[in-house]
Amino acid sequence: MAARVKKGDRVVVLAGRDKGKQGEVLRVNPTDERVVVQGVALIKRHQKASMQNQGGIMTREAAIHASNVAHVDPKDGKPTRIGFRTLDDGRKVRFAKRSGEIIDR
């Protein structure tokens, strides 16, 4: 994965039951190569009541494999691959291979 997907990135799902959906990355687990995307791979879990929450059937996002998501190109909104480039000031940034647009702020 090599830090291609980071928290806060806009991604599109390439495979699975939620193929085509777009969302923001909420969490990244680099050791398992999994990401949690907002509104994608929703699962229902039975939650026992505690002092903090009421309990019942909770809906939340499940982790999906990082190879099943692609970045959304900032220019045209289509899936793109990610490359790395070193700027003149020495910073290493990610860029969209589709348009050449820099993704990192």
C-alpha atoms as a PDB file:
ATOM      1  CA  MET A   1       0.000   0.000   0.000  1.00  0.00           C
ATOM      2  CA  ALA A   2       2.979   2.308   0.706  1.00  0.00           C
ATOM      3  CA  ALA A   3       0.902   5.196   2.162  1.00  0.00           C
ATOM      4  CA  ARG A   4      -1.078   5.667  -1.029  1.00  0.00           C
ATOM      5  CA  VAL A   5      -4.379   5.884   0.867  1.00  0.00           C
ATOM      6  CA  LYS A   6      -4.593   8.198   3.860  1.00  0.00           C
ATOM      7  CA  LYS A   7      -7.317   9.298   6.254  1.00  0.00           C
ATOM      8  CA  GLY A   8      -9.486  11.995   4.686  1.00  0.00           C
ATOM      9  CA  ASP A   9      -8.903  10.943   1.051  1.00  0.00           C
ATOM     10  CA  ARG A  10     -11.846  10.728  -1.382  1.00  0.00           C
ATOM     11  CA  VAL A  11     -11.981   7.216  -2.861  1.00  0.00           C
ATOM     12  CA  VAL A  12     -14.250   5.163  -5.111  1.00  0.00           C
ATOM     13  CA  VAL A  13     -14.932   1.440  -4.542  1.00  0.00           C
ATOM     14  CA  LEU A  14     -13.781  -0.762  -7.459  1.00  0.00           C
ATOM     15  CA  ALA A  15     -15.090  -4.191  -6.405  1.00  0.00           C
ATOM     16  CA  GLY A  16     -17.700  -5.791  -4.186  1.00  0.00           C
ATOM     17  CA  ARG A  17     -21.346  -5.114  -3.453  1.00  0.00           C
ATOM     18  CA  ASP A  18     -20.711  -1.351  -3.061  1.00  0.00           C
ATOM     19  CA  LYS A  19     -18.898  -0.991  -6.395  1.00  0.00           C
ATOM     20  CA  GLY A  20     -19.081   2.573  -7.719  1.00  0.00           C
ATOM     21  CA  LYS A  21     -19.796   4.240  -4.372  1.00  0.00           C
ATOM     22  CA  GLN A  22     -17.623   7.156  -3.309  1.00  0.00           C
ATOM     23  CA  GLY A  23     -16.704   8.226   0.188  1.00  0.00           C
ATOM     24  CA  GLU A  24     -14.100   9.607   2.519  1.00  0.00           C
ATOM     25  CA  VAL A  25     -11.553   7.343   4.230  1.00  0.00           C
ATOM     26  CA  LEU A  26     -12.272   7.304   7.978  1.00  0.00           C
ATOM     27  CA  ARG A  27      -9.544   4.886   9.147  1.00  0.00           C
ATOM     28  CA  VAL A  28      -6.547   3.103   7.621  1.00  0.00           C
ATOM     29  CA  ASN A  29      -5.011  -0.116   8.945  1.00  0.00           C
ATOM     30  CA  PRO A  30      -1.680  -0.465   7.088  1.00  0.00           C
ATOM     31  CA  THR A  31      -0.694  -3.808   8.648  1.00  0.00           C
ATOM     32  CA  ASP A  32      -3.852  -5.536   7.340  1.00  0.00           C
ATOM     33  CA  GLU A  33      -4.002  -3.289   4.229  1.00  0.00           C
ATOM     34  CA  ARG A  34      -7.599  -2.367   5.013  1.00  0.00           C
ATOM     35  CA  VAL A  35      -9.511   0.916   4.953  1.00  0.00           C
ATOM     36  CA  VAL A  36     -12.841   2.065   6.385  1.00  0.00           C
ATOM     37  CA  VAL A  37     -14.791   4.268   3.959  1.00  0.00           C
ATOM     38  CA  GLN A  38     -17.737   6.437   5.025  1.00  0.00           C
ATOM     39  CA  GLY A  39     -21.077   4.977   3.883  1.00  0.00           C
ATOM     40  CA  VAL A  40     -19.519   1.867   2.285  1.00  0.00           C
ATOM     41  CA  ALA A  41     -19.743  -1.806   3.403  1.00  0.00           C
ATOM     42  CA  LEU A  42     -22.389  -1.111   6.032  1.00  0.00           C
ATOM     43  CA  ILE A  43     -22.946  -3.927   8.532  1.00  0.00           C
ATOM     44  CA  LYS A  44     -25.392  -4.361  11.407  1.00  0.00           C
ATOM     45  CA  ARG A  45     -24.195  -5.435  14.827  1.00  0.00           C
ATOM     46  CA  HIS A  46     -26.193  -6.237  17.941  1.00  0.00           C
ATOM     47  CA  GLN A  47     -24.926  -3.983  20.730  1.00  0.00           C
ATOM     48  CA  LYS A  48     -25.518  -4.673  24.389  1.00  0.00           C
ATOM     49  CA  ALA A  49     -26.652  -1.630  26.366  1.00  0.00           C
ATOM     50  CA  SER A  50     -24.030   0.093  28.492  1.00  0.00           C
ATOM     51  CA  MET A  51     -23.652   3.341  30.401  1.00  0.00           C
ATOM     52  CA  GLN A  52     -22.565   5.176  27.232  1.00  0.00           C
ATOM     53  CA  ASN A  53     -25.041   3.859  24.643  1.00  0.00           C
ATOM     54  CA  GLN A  54     -28.568   2.538  24.600  1.00  0.00           C
ATOM     55  CA  GLY A  55     -27.947  -0.743  22.814  1.00  0.00           C
ATOM     56  CA  GLY A  56     -29.899  -2.406  20.011  1.00  0.00           C
ATOM     57  CA  ILE A  57     -28.953  -2.995  16.387  1.00  0.00           C
ATOM     58  CA  MET A  58     -26.176  -0.614  15.332  1.00  0.00           C
ATOM     59  CA  THR A  59     -25.161   0.095  11.734  1.00  0.00           C
ATOM     60  CA  ARG A  60     -21.518   0.891  11.027  1.00  0.00           C
ATOM     61  CA  GLU A  61     -18.903   0.644   8.281  1.00  0.00           C
ATOM     62  CA  ALA A  62     -16.770  -2.479   7.880  1.00  0.00           C
ATOM     63  CA  ALA A  63     -13.167  -2.444   6.692  1.00  0.00           C
ATOM     64  CA  ILE A  64     -12.510  -3.297   3.035  1.00  0.00           C
ATOM     65  CA  HIS A  65      -9.222  -4.197   1.374  1.00  0.00           C
ATOM     66  CA  ALA A  66      -7.175  -1.253   0.116  1.00  0.00           C
ATOM     67  CA  SER A  67      -6.820  -2.832  -3.340  1.00  0.00           C
ATOM     68  CA  ASN A  68     -10.587  -2.472  -3.826  1.00  0.00           C
ATOM     69  CA  VAL A  69     -10.511   1.334  -3.639  1.00  0.00           C
ATOM     70  CA  ALA A  70      -9.016   3.966  -5.938  1.00  0.00           C
ATOM     71  CA  HIS A  71      -8.504   7.680  -5.430  1.00  0.00           C
ATOM     72  CA  VAL A  72     -10.925  10.104  -7.032  1.00  0.00           C
ATOM     73  CA  ASP A  73      -9.154  12.427  -9.479  1.00  0.00           C
ATOM     74  CA  PRO A  74      -9.503  16.038  -8.251  1.00  0.00           C
ATOM     75  CA  LYS A  75     -10.096  17.314 -11.804  1.00  0.00           C
ATOM     76  CA  ASP A  76     -12.736  14.996 -13.298  1.00  0.00           C
ATOM     77  CA  GLY A  77     -13.909  12.795 -10.400  1.00  0.00           C
ATOM     78  CA  LYS A  78     -12.931   9.497 -12.041  1.00  0.00           C
ATOM     79  CA  PRO A  79     -10.763   6.756 -10.461  1.00  0.00           C
ATOM     80  CA  THR A  80      -7.028   7.286 -10.741  1.00  0.00           C
ATOM     81  CA  ARG A  81      -3.805   5.663  -9.646  1.00  0.00           C
ATOM     82  CA  ILE A  82      -1.347   7.447  -7.372  1.00  0.00           C
ATOM     83  CA  GLY A  83       2.274   8.346  -8.023  1.00  0.00           C
ATOM     84  CA  PHE A  84       4.921  10.033  -5.925  1.00  0.00           C
ATOM     85  CA  ARG A  85       6.860  13.118  -6.917  1.00  0.00           C
ATOM     86  CA  THR A  86       9.494  15.250  -5.192  1.00  0.00           C
ATOM     87  CA  LEU A  87       8.864  18.986  -5.405  1.00  0.00           C
ATOM     88  CA  ASP A  88      11.523  21.675  -5.802  1.00  0.00           C
ATOM     89  CA  ASP A  89      11.442  22.418  -2.071  1.00  0.00           C
ATOM     90  CA  GLY A  90      12.240  18.761  -1.295  1.00  0.00           C
ATOM     91  CA  ARG A  91       8.758  17.619  -0.203  1.00  0.00           C
ATOM     92  CA  LYS A  92       7.549  14.205  -1.374  1.00  0.00           C
ATOM     93  CA  VAL A  93       3.906  14.488  -2.507  1.00  0.00           C
ATOM     94  CA  ARG A  94       1.290  12.214  -4.019  1.00  0.00           C
ATOM     95  CA  PHE A  95      -0.167  13.046  -7.429  1.00  0.00           C
ATOM     96  CA  ALA A  96      -2.953  11.664  -9.607  1.00  0.00           C
ATOM     97  CA  LYS A  97      -1.517   9.795 -12.578  1.00  0.00           C
ATOM     98  CA  ARG A  98      -4.655  10.526 -14.623  1.00  0.00           C
ATOM     99  CA  SER A  99      -4.370  14.318 -14.563  1.00  0.00           C
ATOM    100  CA  GLY A 100      -1.028  15.054 -12.886  1.00  0.00           C
ATOM    101  CA  GLU A 101      -2.834  17.009 -10.140  1.00  0.00           C
ATOM    102  CA  ILE A 102      -1.151  17.047  -6.711  1.00  0.00           C
ATOM    103  CA  ILE A 103      -3.315  15.328  -4.056  1.00  0.00           C
ATOM    104  CA  ASP A 104      -1.424  16.263  -0.870  1.00  0.00           C
ATOM    105  CA  ARG A 105      -2.184  19.658   0.578  1.00  0.00           C
END
